[in-house]
Amino acid sequence: MWYERVMGLKWLARTGWMQRGIPPAVAETVAAHTFEVAVLAHLLATELEEVGAPIDVRRVLELALYHDVPEAVEGDIVKWVKDRLPHEVAEGVEREAASVAGVPEGLVDELVALSTLEAQVVKLADNLATCLQAMMYLRQGYDVEDILEGTREYVLSAWVKKFPELSKYEKVVKEFVGRVGCGKNAT
């Protein structure tokens, strides 16, 4: 049954952390990551709504909750591999895994295309959650500097060029990221 498969994400450790020497018992799970992404995305979406952004907070939560569900089928494929696959191959695998895992139709397309303000908020929250987790592991003595720097660069500035809808609210987003604590001086 699809539900049991998806609930397996509670025990699936994120591969990138284990590749850097974090033991499976300590490594963040996909489900824990998803929870943090959902909380961050909800907080940011609420702030954007308060300044008049045309955002559907419920849709943000739906996208955040399902954004890594395909990993229940495909496993946690590390960024290094995803970056080297042809875009259409990676998208095809993601769509098929999402279908098998029972992700509601249309969510994966929206997340892959990053075509809406809601999807862009979730993608930023996804990277922000990884940045915050990397900072925690770094404080514990694990060598995760490469993940920290990659995600920190993304949450501090790279998204502005990639997300035209979200970049309209750059001031709000940058203030949010600063408050959450993923800036250059935070570790």
N, C-alpha and C. Protein backbone atom coordinates (compact mmCIF):
# COMPACT_ATOMS: atom_id res chain seq x y z
N MET A 1 0.85 -1.19 0.00
CA MET A 1 0.00 0.00 0.00
C MET A 1 0.89 1.25 0.00
N TRP A 2 0.46 2.28 -0.72
CA TRP A 2 1.28 3.48 -0.88
C TRP A 2 1.54 4.18 0.44
N TYR A 3 0.59 4.13 1.36
CA TYR A 3 0.75 4.84 2.64
C TYR A 3 1.95 4.29 3.42
N GLU A 4 2.06 2.98 3.52
CA GLU A 4 3.19 2.39 4.25
C GLU A 4 4.52 2.76 3.58
N ARG A 5 4.52 2.77 2.27
CA ARG A 5 5.75 3.13 1.55
C ARG A 5 6.15 4.57 1.88
N VAL A 6 5.19 5.48 1.85
CA VAL A 6 5.49 6.89 2.14
C VAL A 6 5.93 7.07 3.59
N MET A 7 5.30 6.34 4.51
CA MET A 7 5.68 6.45 5.92
C MET A 7 7.10 5.94 6.17
N GLY A 8 7.64 5.18 5.24
CA GLY A 8 9.04 4.74 5.33
C GLY A 8 10.01 5.90 5.32
N LEU A 9 9.56 7.08 4.89
CA LEU A 9 10.44 8.26 4.88
C LEU A 9 10.84 8.67 6.30
N LYS A 10 10.09 8.18 7.30
CA LYS A 10 10.45 8.48 8.69
C LYS A 10 11.78 7.83 9.07
N TRP A 11 12.18 6.79 8.33
CA TRP A 11 13.41 6.07 8.66
C TRP A 11 14.48 6.21 7.58
N LEU A 12 14.17 6.88 6.49
CA LEU A 12 15.14 7.03 5.40
C LEU A 12 16.06 8.21 5.69
N ALA A 13 17.30 7.92 6.06
CA ALA A 13 18.27 8.98 6.34
C ALA A 13 18.67 9.65 5.03
N ARG A 14 18.88 10.95 5.10
CA ARG A 14 19.30 11.68 3.91
C ARG A 14 20.75 11.31 3.58
N THR A 15 20.93 10.87 2.37
CA THR A 15 22.19 10.29 1.93
C THR A 15 23.36 11.25 2.01
N GLY A 16 23.16 12.50 1.65
CA GLY A 16 24.25 13.47 1.66
C GLY A 16 24.91 13.61 3.03
N TRP A 17 24.12 13.51 4.07
CA TRP A 17 24.70 13.61 5.42
C TRP A 17 25.54 12.37 5.73
N MET A 18 25.05 11.21 5.36
CA MET A 18 25.81 9.98 5.64
C MET A 18 27.10 9.93 4.84
N GLN A 19 27.08 10.49 3.63
CA GLN A 19 28.30 10.52 2.81
C GLN A 19 29.38 11.38 3.46
N ARG A 20 28.98 12.24 4.36
CA ARG A 20 29.94 13.11 5.03
C ARG A 20 30.26 12.63 6.45
N GLY A 21 29.96 11.37 6.71
CA GLY A 21 30.36 10.75 7.96
C GLY A 21 29.37 10.86 9.10
N ILE A 22 28.18 11.36 8.85
CA ILE A 22 27.18 11.43 9.90
C ILE A 22 26.53 10.05 10.01
N PRO A 23 26.58 9.44 11.18
CA PRO A 23 26.02 8.09 11.32
C PRO A 23 24.51 8.07 11.04
N PRO A 24 24.01 6.96 10.50
CA PRO A 24 22.57 6.87 10.20
C PRO A 24 21.69 7.19 11.40
N ALA A 25 22.11 6.83 12.59
CA ALA A 25 21.30 7.10 13.78
C ALA A 25 21.21 8.59 14.11
N VAL A 26 22.15 9.38 13.58
CA VAL A 26 22.18 10.82 13.83
C VAL A 26 21.68 11.61 12.62
N ALA A 27 21.80 11.00 11.45
CA ALA A 27 21.46 11.69 10.20
C ALA A 27 19.97 12.05 10.16
N GLU A 28 19.72 13.24 9.68
CA GLU A 28 18.35 13.72 9.49
C GLU A 28 17.63 12.78 8.51
N THR A 29 16.37 12.46 8.80
CA THR A 29 15.59 11.64 7.89
C THR A 29 14.87 12.54 6.88
N VAL A 30 14.40 11.92 5.82
CA VAL A 30 13.65 12.67 4.81
C VAL A 30 12.40 13.27 5.45
N ALA A 31 11.72 12.51 6.31
CA ALA A 31 10.50 13.02 6.96
C ALA A 31 10.80 14.20 7.87
N ALA A 32 11.90 14.14 8.63
CA ALA A 32 12.26 15.27 9.50
C ALA A 32 12.55 16.50 8.66
N HIS A 33 13.25 16.30 7.56
CA HIS A 33 13.55 17.41 6.64
C HIS A 33 12.25 18.00 6.08
N THR A 34 11.34 17.13 5.68
CA THR A 34 10.07 17.58 5.13
C THR A 34 9.30 18.42 6.14
N PHE A 35 9.30 18.00 7.39
CA PHE A 35 8.62 18.76 8.44
C PHE A 35 9.21 20.17 8.56
N GLU A 36 10.53 20.25 8.58
CA GLU A 36 11.17 21.57 8.69
C GLU A 36 10.88 22.43 7.47
N VAL A 37 10.90 21.84 6.29
CA VAL A 37 10.57 22.59 5.07
C VAL A 37 9.15 23.13 5.16
N ALA A 38 8.21 22.30 5.61
CA ALA A 38 6.81 22.73 5.70
C ALA A 38 6.65 23.89 6.68
N VAL A 39 7.33 23.82 7.81
CA VAL A 39 7.23 24.90 8.80
C VAL A 39 7.82 26.19 8.24
N LEU A 40 9.02 26.11 7.66
CA LEU A 40 9.66 27.30 7.10
C LEU A 40 8.83 27.88 5.96
N ALA A 41 8.34 27.02 5.08
CA ALA A 41 7.55 27.49 3.93
C ALA A 41 6.26 28.16 4.42
N HIS A 42 5.63 27.59 5.43
CA HIS A 42 4.41 28.18 5.97
C HIS A 42 4.69 29.55 6.59
N LEU A 43 5.76 29.65 7.37
CA LEU A 43 6.10 30.93 7.99
C LEU A 43 6.37 32.01 6.93
N LEU A 44 7.16 31.66 5.92
CA LEU A 44 7.48 32.62 4.86
C LEU A 44 6.23 32.97 4.06
N ALA A 45 5.43 31.99 3.72
CA ALA A 45 4.21 32.26 2.95
C ALA A 45 3.27 33.18 3.72
N THR A 46 3.17 32.98 5.01
CA THR A 46 2.32 33.83 5.85
C THR A 46 2.83 35.27 5.85
N GLU A 47 4.16 35.43 5.94
CA GLU A 47 4.72 36.78 5.89
C GLU A 47 4.48 37.43 4.53
N LEU A 48 4.61 36.65 3.48
CA LEU A 48 4.35 37.19 2.14
C LEU A 48 2.88 37.59 1.99
N GLU A 49 2.00 36.78 2.51
CA GLU A 49 0.57 37.08 2.47
C GLU A 49 0.28 38.39 3.21
N GLU A 50 0.96 38.60 4.33
CA GLU A 50 0.75 39.80 5.13
C GLU A 50 1.16 41.09 4.41
N VAL A 51 2.10 40.98 3.45
CA VAL A 51 2.51 42.17 2.69
C VAL A 51 1.77 42.26 1.36
N GLY A 52 0.74 41.41 1.19
CA GLY A 52 -0.09 41.52 0.00
C GLY A 52 0.28 40.63 -1.17
N ALA A 53 1.20 39.71 -0.98
CA ALA A 53 1.57 38.80 -2.07
C ALA A 53 0.38 37.89 -2.38
N PRO A 54 0.13 37.63 -3.66
CA PRO A 54 -0.97 36.74 -4.04
C PRO A 54 -0.55 35.28 -3.88
N ILE A 55 -0.54 34.81 -2.65
CA ILE A 55 -0.04 33.46 -2.37
C ILE A 55 -1.12 32.62 -1.70
N ASP A 56 -1.17 31.37 -2.07
CA ASP A 56 -2.11 30.40 -1.49
C ASP A 56 -1.33 29.60 -0.44
N VAL A 57 -1.49 29.96 0.82
CA VAL A 57 -0.74 29.35 1.91
C VAL A 57 -1.05 27.85 2.00
N ARG A 58 -2.28 27.49 1.77
CA ARG A 58 -2.65 26.06 1.80
C ARG A 58 -1.89 25.29 0.72
N ARG A 59 -1.76 25.87 -0.46
CA ARG A 59 -1.03 25.21 -1.55
C ARG A 59 0.45 25.08 -1.19
N VAL A 60 1.00 26.10 -0.54
CA VAL A 60 2.40 26.04 -0.10
C VAL A 60 2.59 24.83 0.82
N LEU A 61 1.68 24.67 1.78
CA LEU A 61 1.79 23.54 2.70
C LEU A 61 1.66 22.21 1.97
N GLU A 62 0.75 22.12 1.02
CA GLU A 62 0.57 20.89 0.26
C GLU A 62 1.84 20.55 -0.53
N LEU A 63 2.39 21.54 -1.20
CA LEU A 63 3.63 21.32 -1.96
C LEU A 63 4.77 20.92 -1.03
N ALA A 64 4.89 21.59 0.11
CA ALA A 64 5.97 21.29 1.05
C ALA A 64 5.85 19.87 1.59
N LEU A 65 4.63 19.47 1.94
CA LEU A 65 4.43 18.13 2.51
C LEU A 65 4.75 17.02 1.52
N TYR A 66 4.51 17.26 0.24
CA TYR A 66 4.71 16.22 -0.76
C TYR A 66 6.03 16.36 -1.54
N HIS A 67 6.81 17.39 -1.28
CA HIS A 67 7.96 17.66 -2.16
C HIS A 67 8.99 16.54 -2.21
N ASP A 68 9.16 15.77 -1.16
CA ASP A 68 10.13 14.67 -1.17
C ASP A 68 9.48 13.29 -1.13
N VAL A 69 8.17 13.21 -1.26
CA VAL A 69 7.49 11.91 -1.24
C VAL A 69 7.99 10.97 -2.35
N PRO A 70 8.36 11.47 -3.53
CA PRO A 70 8.90 10.53 -4.53
C PRO A 70 10.11 9.73 -4.03
N GLU A 71 10.81 10.25 -3.02
CA GLU A 71 11.96 9.54 -2.47
C GLU A 71 11.55 8.24 -1.77
N ALA A 72 10.28 8.08 -1.45
CA ALA A 72 9.80 6.82 -0.88
C ALA A 72 9.94 5.69 -1.90
N VAL A 73 9.99 6.05 -3.18
CA VAL A 73 10.14 5.08 -4.26
C VAL A 73 11.57 5.07 -4.78
N GLU A 74 12.12 6.24 -5.06
CA GLU A 74 13.43 6.33 -5.71
C GLU A 74 14.60 6.35 -4.74
N GLY A 75 14.33 6.55 -3.45
CA GLY A 75 15.41 6.72 -2.48
C GLY A 75 15.88 8.16 -2.50
N ASP A 76 16.80 8.47 -1.64
CA ASP A 76 17.33 9.84 -1.56
C ASP A 76 18.52 9.93 -2.51
N ILE A 77 18.27 10.36 -3.72
CA ILE A 77 19.32 10.49 -4.73
C ILE A 77 20.06 11.79 -4.45
N VAL A 78 21.36 11.68 -4.29
CA VAL A 78 22.15 12.86 -3.91
C VAL A 78 22.21 13.88 -5.04
N LYS A 79 22.40 15.13 -4.66
CA LYS A 79 22.45 16.25 -5.59
C LYS A 79 23.52 16.03 -6.67
N TRP A 80 24.65 15.47 -6.31
CA TRP A 80 25.74 15.24 -7.25
C TRP A 80 25.23 14.41 -8.44
N VAL A 81 24.45 13.39 -8.16
CA VAL A 81 23.90 12.53 -9.22
C VAL A 81 22.83 13.29 -10.00
N LYS A 82 21.90 13.92 -9.29
CA LYS A 82 20.82 14.66 -9.96
C LYS A 82 21.36 15.72 -10.90
N ASP A 83 22.43 16.40 -10.49
CA ASP A 83 23.02 17.45 -11.33
C ASP A 83 23.65 16.91 -12.60
N ARG A 84 23.96 15.62 -12.64
CA ARG A 84 24.63 15.05 -13.79
C ARG A 84 23.68 14.27 -14.72
N LEU A 85 22.45 14.12 -14.30
CA LEU A 85 21.46 13.45 -15.16
C LEU A 85 20.88 14.46 -16.15
N PRO A 86 20.59 14.02 -17.37
CA PRO A 86 19.88 14.92 -18.28
C PRO A 86 18.57 15.35 -17.62
N HIS A 87 18.23 16.61 -17.78
CA HIS A 87 17.06 17.19 -17.11
C HIS A 87 15.80 16.37 -17.36
N GLU A 88 15.58 15.96 -18.61
CA GLU A 88 14.37 15.22 -18.92
C GLU A 88 14.35 13.83 -18.27
N VAL A 89 15.52 13.22 -18.06
CA VAL A 89 15.60 11.93 -17.38
C VAL A 89 15.25 12.10 -15.90
N ALA A 90 15.85 13.10 -15.27
CA ALA A 90 15.58 13.35 -13.84
C ALA A 90 14.10 13.67 -13.62
N GLU A 91 13.54 14.49 -14.50
CA GLU A 91 12.11 14.83 -14.38
C GLU A 91 11.23 13.61 -14.58
N GLY A 92 11.58 12.77 -15.54
CA GLY A 92 10.79 11.56 -15.79
C GLY A 92 10.80 10.61 -14.61
N VAL A 93 11.96 10.43 -14.00
CA VAL A 93 12.07 9.57 -12.82
C VAL A 93 11.25 10.16 -11.68
N GLU A 94 11.36 11.46 -11.49
CA GLU A 94 10.62 12.13 -10.42
C GLU A 94 9.10 11.98 -10.61
N ARG A 95 8.65 12.18 -11.83
CA ARG A 95 7.21 12.06 -12.11
C ARG A 95 6.70 10.63 -11.90
N GLU A 96 7.48 9.66 -12.39
CA GLU A 96 7.05 8.26 -12.24
C GLU A 96 7.07 7.85 -10.76
N ALA A 97 8.10 8.22 -10.03
CA ALA A 97 8.17 7.90 -8.60
C ALA A 97 7.03 8.57 -7.85
N ALA A 98 6.72 9.80 -8.21
CA ALA A 98 5.60 10.51 -7.56
C ALA A 98 4.29 9.80 -7.80
N SER A 99 4.09 9.32 -9.01
CA SER A 99 2.86 8.62 -9.34
C SER A 99 2.75 7.33 -8.52
N VAL A 100 3.83 6.56 -8.46
CA VAL A 100 3.84 5.32 -7.70
C VAL A 100 3.62 5.60 -6.21
N ALA A 101 4.18 6.70 -5.72
CA ALA A 101 4.09 7.04 -4.29
C ALA A 101 2.75 7.69 -3.92
N GLY A 102 1.91 7.98 -4.91
CA GLY A 102 0.60 8.54 -4.62
C GLY A 102 0.55 10.04 -4.43
N VAL A 103 1.52 10.75 -4.99
CA VAL A 103 1.51 12.21 -4.90
C VAL A 103 0.36 12.74 -5.73
N PRO A 104 -0.47 13.63 -5.17
CA PRO A 104 -1.58 14.18 -5.94
C PRO A 104 -1.12 14.77 -7.27
N GLU A 105 -1.90 14.50 -8.30
CA GLU A 105 -1.57 14.94 -9.65
C GLU A 105 -1.35 16.45 -9.73
N GLY A 106 -0.35 16.84 -10.47
CA GLY A 106 -0.07 18.26 -10.67
C GLY A 106 0.97 18.83 -9.74
N LEU A 107 1.13 18.24 -8.56
CA LEU A 107 2.10 18.79 -7.60
C LEU A 107 3.54 18.70 -8.12
N VAL A 108 3.88 17.55 -8.65
CA VAL A 108 5.25 17.37 -9.12
C VAL A 108 5.55 18.31 -10.27
N ASP A 109 4.60 18.45 -11.21
CA ASP A 109 4.82 19.37 -12.33
C ASP A 109 5.08 20.78 -11.83
N GLU A 110 4.30 21.21 -10.86
CA GLU A 110 4.45 22.56 -10.31
C GLU A 110 5.80 22.72 -9.61
N LEU A 111 6.20 21.70 -8.86
CA LEU A 111 7.49 21.77 -8.16
C LEU A 111 8.67 21.71 -9.12
N VAL A 112 8.58 20.85 -10.12
CA VAL A 112 9.68 20.73 -11.08
C VAL A 112 9.83 22.01 -11.89
N ALA A 113 8.71 22.56 -12.33
CA ALA A 113 8.76 23.78 -13.16
C ALA A 113 9.03 25.03 -12.33
N LEU A 114 8.77 24.97 -11.03
CA LEU A 114 8.91 26.15 -10.17
C LEU A 114 8.17 27.34 -10.79
N SER A 115 6.99 27.03 -11.31
CA SER A 115 6.26 28.01 -12.10
C SER A 115 5.34 28.92 -11.28
N THR A 116 5.21 28.64 -10.00
CA THR A 116 4.31 29.44 -9.19
C THR A 116 5.07 30.02 -7.99
N LEU A 117 4.52 31.07 -7.44
CA LEU A 117 5.10 31.66 -6.23
C LEU A 117 5.14 30.61 -5.12
N GLU A 118 4.11 29.79 -5.03
CA GLU A 118 4.04 28.76 -4.00
C GLU A 118 5.19 27.76 -4.13
N ALA A 119 5.45 27.28 -5.34
CA ALA A 119 6.53 26.32 -5.56
C ALA A 119 7.89 26.96 -5.28
N GLN A 120 8.04 28.23 -5.63
CA GLN A 120 9.29 28.93 -5.39
C GLN A 120 9.56 29.09 -3.88
N VAL A 121 8.51 29.35 -3.11
CA VAL A 121 8.65 29.44 -1.66
C VAL A 121 9.10 28.10 -1.09
N VAL A 122 8.51 27.01 -1.57
CA VAL A 122 8.88 25.69 -1.08
C VAL A 122 10.33 25.36 -1.44
N LYS A 123 10.74 25.67 -2.65
CA LYS A 123 12.13 25.39 -3.06
C LYS A 123 13.11 26.18 -2.19
N LEU A 124 12.80 27.43 -1.91
CA LEU A 124 13.67 28.22 -1.05
C LEU A 124 13.69 27.63 0.36
N ALA A 125 12.53 27.25 0.88
CA ALA A 125 12.45 26.65 2.21
C ALA A 125 13.22 25.32 2.26
N ASP A 126 13.19 24.56 1.17
CA ASP A 126 13.92 23.30 1.07
C ASP A 126 15.42 23.56 1.26
N ASN A 127 15.93 24.54 0.57
CA ASN A 127 17.35 24.86 0.69
C ASN A 127 17.67 25.49 2.03
N LEU A 128 16.78 26.30 2.55
CA LEU A 128 16.99 26.93 3.85
C LEU A 128 17.04 25.87 4.95
N ALA A 129 16.16 24.88 4.90
CA ALA A 129 16.17 23.80 5.89
C ALA A 129 17.49 23.02 5.83
N THR A 130 17.98 22.78 4.63
CA THR A 130 19.26 22.08 4.49
C THR A 130 20.40 22.93 5.04
N CYS A 131 20.37 24.21 4.78
CA CYS A 131 21.38 25.13 5.31
C CYS A 131 21.39 25.10 6.84
N LEU A 132 20.22 25.17 7.44
CA LEU A 132 20.13 25.17 8.90
C LEU A 132 20.61 23.84 9.49
N GLN A 133 20.28 22.73 8.83
CA GLN A 133 20.74 21.42 9.30
C GLN A 133 22.26 21.32 9.17
N ALA A 134 22.81 21.83 8.09
CA ALA A 134 24.26 21.80 7.90
C ALA A 134 24.96 22.61 8.99
N MET A 135 24.39 23.76 9.35
CA MET A 135 24.99 24.56 10.42
C MET A 135 25.00 23.78 11.73
N MET A 136 23.93 23.04 12.00
CA MET A 136 23.87 22.25 13.22
C MET A 136 24.95 21.16 13.21
N TYR A 137 25.08 20.47 12.09
CA TYR A 137 26.10 19.41 12.00
C TYR A 137 27.51 20.00 12.08
N LEU A 138 27.72 21.15 11.50
CA LEU A 138 29.03 21.80 11.56
C LEU A 138 29.40 22.11 13.01
N ARG A 139 28.43 22.61 13.78
CA ARG A 139 28.67 22.89 15.20
C ARG A 139 29.00 21.61 15.98
N GLN A 140 28.51 20.47 15.50
CA GLN A 140 28.78 19.19 16.15
C GLN A 140 30.09 18.57 15.70
N GLY A 141 30.78 19.24 14.77
CA GLY A 141 32.08 18.77 14.34
C GLY A 141 32.11 17.97 13.05
N TYR A 142 30.99 17.86 12.37
CA TYR A 142 30.96 17.12 11.10
C TYR A 142 31.39 18.03 9.95
N ASP A 143 32.06 17.45 8.97
CA ASP A 143 32.56 18.21 7.83
C ASP A 143 31.47 18.30 6.75
N VAL A 144 30.66 19.33 6.86
CA VAL A 144 29.56 19.54 5.91
C VAL A 144 29.65 20.93 5.28
N GLU A 145 30.84 21.48 5.30
CA GLU A 145 31.06 22.84 4.79
C GLU A 145 30.58 23.01 3.35
N ASP A 146 30.78 21.98 2.51
CA ASP A 146 30.37 22.10 1.11
C ASP A 146 28.85 22.23 0.98
N ILE A 147 28.11 21.47 1.77
CA ILE A 147 26.65 21.58 1.73
C ILE A 147 26.22 22.94 2.28
N LEU A 148 26.84 23.33 3.38
CA LEU A 148 26.50 24.62 3.98
C LEU A 148 26.72 25.76 3.00
N GLU A 149 27.87 25.80 2.37
CA GLU A 149 28.16 26.91 1.46
C GLU A 149 27.26 26.90 0.23
N GLY A 150 26.97 25.72 -0.30
CA GLY A 150 26.09 25.63 -1.47
C GLY A 150 24.68 26.10 -1.16
N THR A 151 24.15 25.66 -0.05
CA THR A 151 22.78 26.06 0.28
C THR A 151 22.73 27.50 0.77
N ARG A 152 23.75 27.93 1.47
CA ARG A 152 23.79 29.31 1.96
C ARG A 152 23.80 30.28 0.78
N GLU A 153 24.61 30.00 -0.21
CA GLU A 153 24.67 30.84 -1.43
C GLU A 153 23.30 30.91 -2.07
N TYR A 154 22.62 29.77 -2.13
CA TYR A 154 21.30 29.70 -2.74
C TYR A 154 20.30 30.56 -1.97
N VAL A 155 20.24 30.39 -0.65
CA VAL A 155 19.22 31.12 0.12
C VAL A 155 19.55 32.60 0.27
N LEU A 156 20.81 32.96 0.15
CA LEU A 156 21.15 34.38 0.28
C LEU A 156 20.97 35.17 -1.00
N SER A 157 21.22 34.54 -2.15
CA SER A 157 21.13 35.35 -3.37
C SER A 157 20.75 34.62 -4.65
N ALA A 158 21.12 33.36 -4.83
CA ALA A 158 20.93 32.70 -6.12
C ALA A 158 19.46 32.63 -6.54
N TRP A 159 18.55 32.49 -5.59
CA TRP A 159 17.13 32.36 -5.92
C TRP A 159 16.57 33.59 -6.60
N VAL A 160 17.17 34.76 -6.36
CA VAL A 160 16.62 36.01 -6.91
C VAL A 160 16.56 35.96 -8.43
N LYS A 161 17.59 35.41 -9.07
CA LYS A 161 17.63 35.33 -10.53
C LYS A 161 16.74 34.21 -11.06
N LYS A 162 16.51 33.17 -10.26
CA LYS A 162 15.77 32.00 -10.72
C LYS A 162 14.27 32.12 -10.52
N PHE A 163 13.85 32.94 -9.57
CA PHE A 163 12.44 32.99 -9.17
C PHE A 163 11.85 34.38 -9.38
N PRO A 164 11.34 34.65 -10.56
CA PRO A 164 10.82 35.99 -10.84
C PRO A 164 9.64 36.38 -9.95
N GLU A 165 8.78 35.43 -9.62
CA GLU A 165 7.63 35.77 -8.77
C GLU A 165 8.07 36.09 -7.35
N LEU A 166 8.93 35.27 -6.81
CA LEU A 166 9.40 35.47 -5.44
C LEU A 166 10.32 36.69 -5.32
N SER A 167 11.09 36.97 -6.37
CA SER A 167 12.04 38.09 -6.30
C SER A 167 11.33 39.44 -6.16
N LYS A 168 10.04 39.49 -6.48
CA LYS A 168 9.28 40.72 -6.27
C LYS A 168 9.21 41.08 -4.78
N TYR A 169 9.45 40.09 -3.93
CA TYR A 169 9.36 40.27 -2.48
C TYR A 169 10.73 40.05 -1.82
N GLU A 170 11.78 40.45 -2.54
CA GLU A 170 13.15 40.19 -2.10
C GLU A 170 13.42 40.71 -0.68
N LYS A 171 12.96 41.89 -0.36
CA LYS A 171 13.21 42.46 0.97
C LYS A 171 12.62 41.58 2.07
N VAL A 172 11.38 41.15 1.89
CA VAL A 172 10.70 40.31 2.88
C VAL A 172 11.44 38.98 3.03
N VAL A 173 11.81 38.39 1.91
CA VAL A 173 12.49 37.09 1.95
C VAL A 173 13.85 37.21 2.62
N LYS A 174 14.62 38.22 2.26
CA LYS A 174 15.95 38.37 2.86
C LYS A 174 15.86 38.63 4.36
N GLU A 175 14.87 39.39 4.78
CA GLU A 175 14.67 39.61 6.23
C GLU A 175 14.31 38.30 6.91
N PHE A 176 13.47 37.50 6.28
CA PHE A 176 13.08 36.20 6.84
C PHE A 176 14.30 35.29 6.98
N VAL A 177 15.08 35.18 5.92
CA VAL A 177 16.28 34.32 5.93
C VAL A 177 17.24 34.79 7.03
N GLY A 178 17.40 36.10 7.17
CA GLY A 178 18.26 36.63 8.23
C GLY A 178 17.77 36.27 9.62
N ARG A 179 16.48 36.38 9.83
CA ARG A 179 15.90 36.04 11.15
C ARG A 179 16.04 34.56 11.46
N VAL A 180 15.85 33.72 10.44
CA VAL A 180 15.95 32.29 10.66
C VAL A 180 17.40 31.90 10.96
N GLY A 181 18.35 32.63 10.40
CA GLY A 181 19.74 32.43 10.78
C GLY A 181 20.62 31.64 9.85
N CYS A 182 20.48 31.84 8.55
CA CYS A 182 21.34 31.14 7.61
C CYS A 182 22.31 32.09 6.93
N GLY A 183 22.53 33.26 7.52
CA GLY A 183 23.42 34.25 6.92
C GLY A 183 24.89 33.89 7.03
N LYS A 184 25.72 34.70 6.43
CA LYS A 184 27.17 34.46 6.38
C LYS A 184 27.80 34.38 7.77
N ASN A 185 27.28 35.13 8.72
CA ASN A 185 27.88 35.15 10.06
C ASN A 185 27.31 34.10 10.99
N ALA A 186 26.33 33.36 10.54
CA ALA A 186 25.70 32.35 11.40
C ALA A 186 26.36 30.99 11.21
N THR A 187 26.61 30.31 12.28
CA THR A 187 27.06 28.90 12.25
C THR A 187 26.83 28.24 13.54
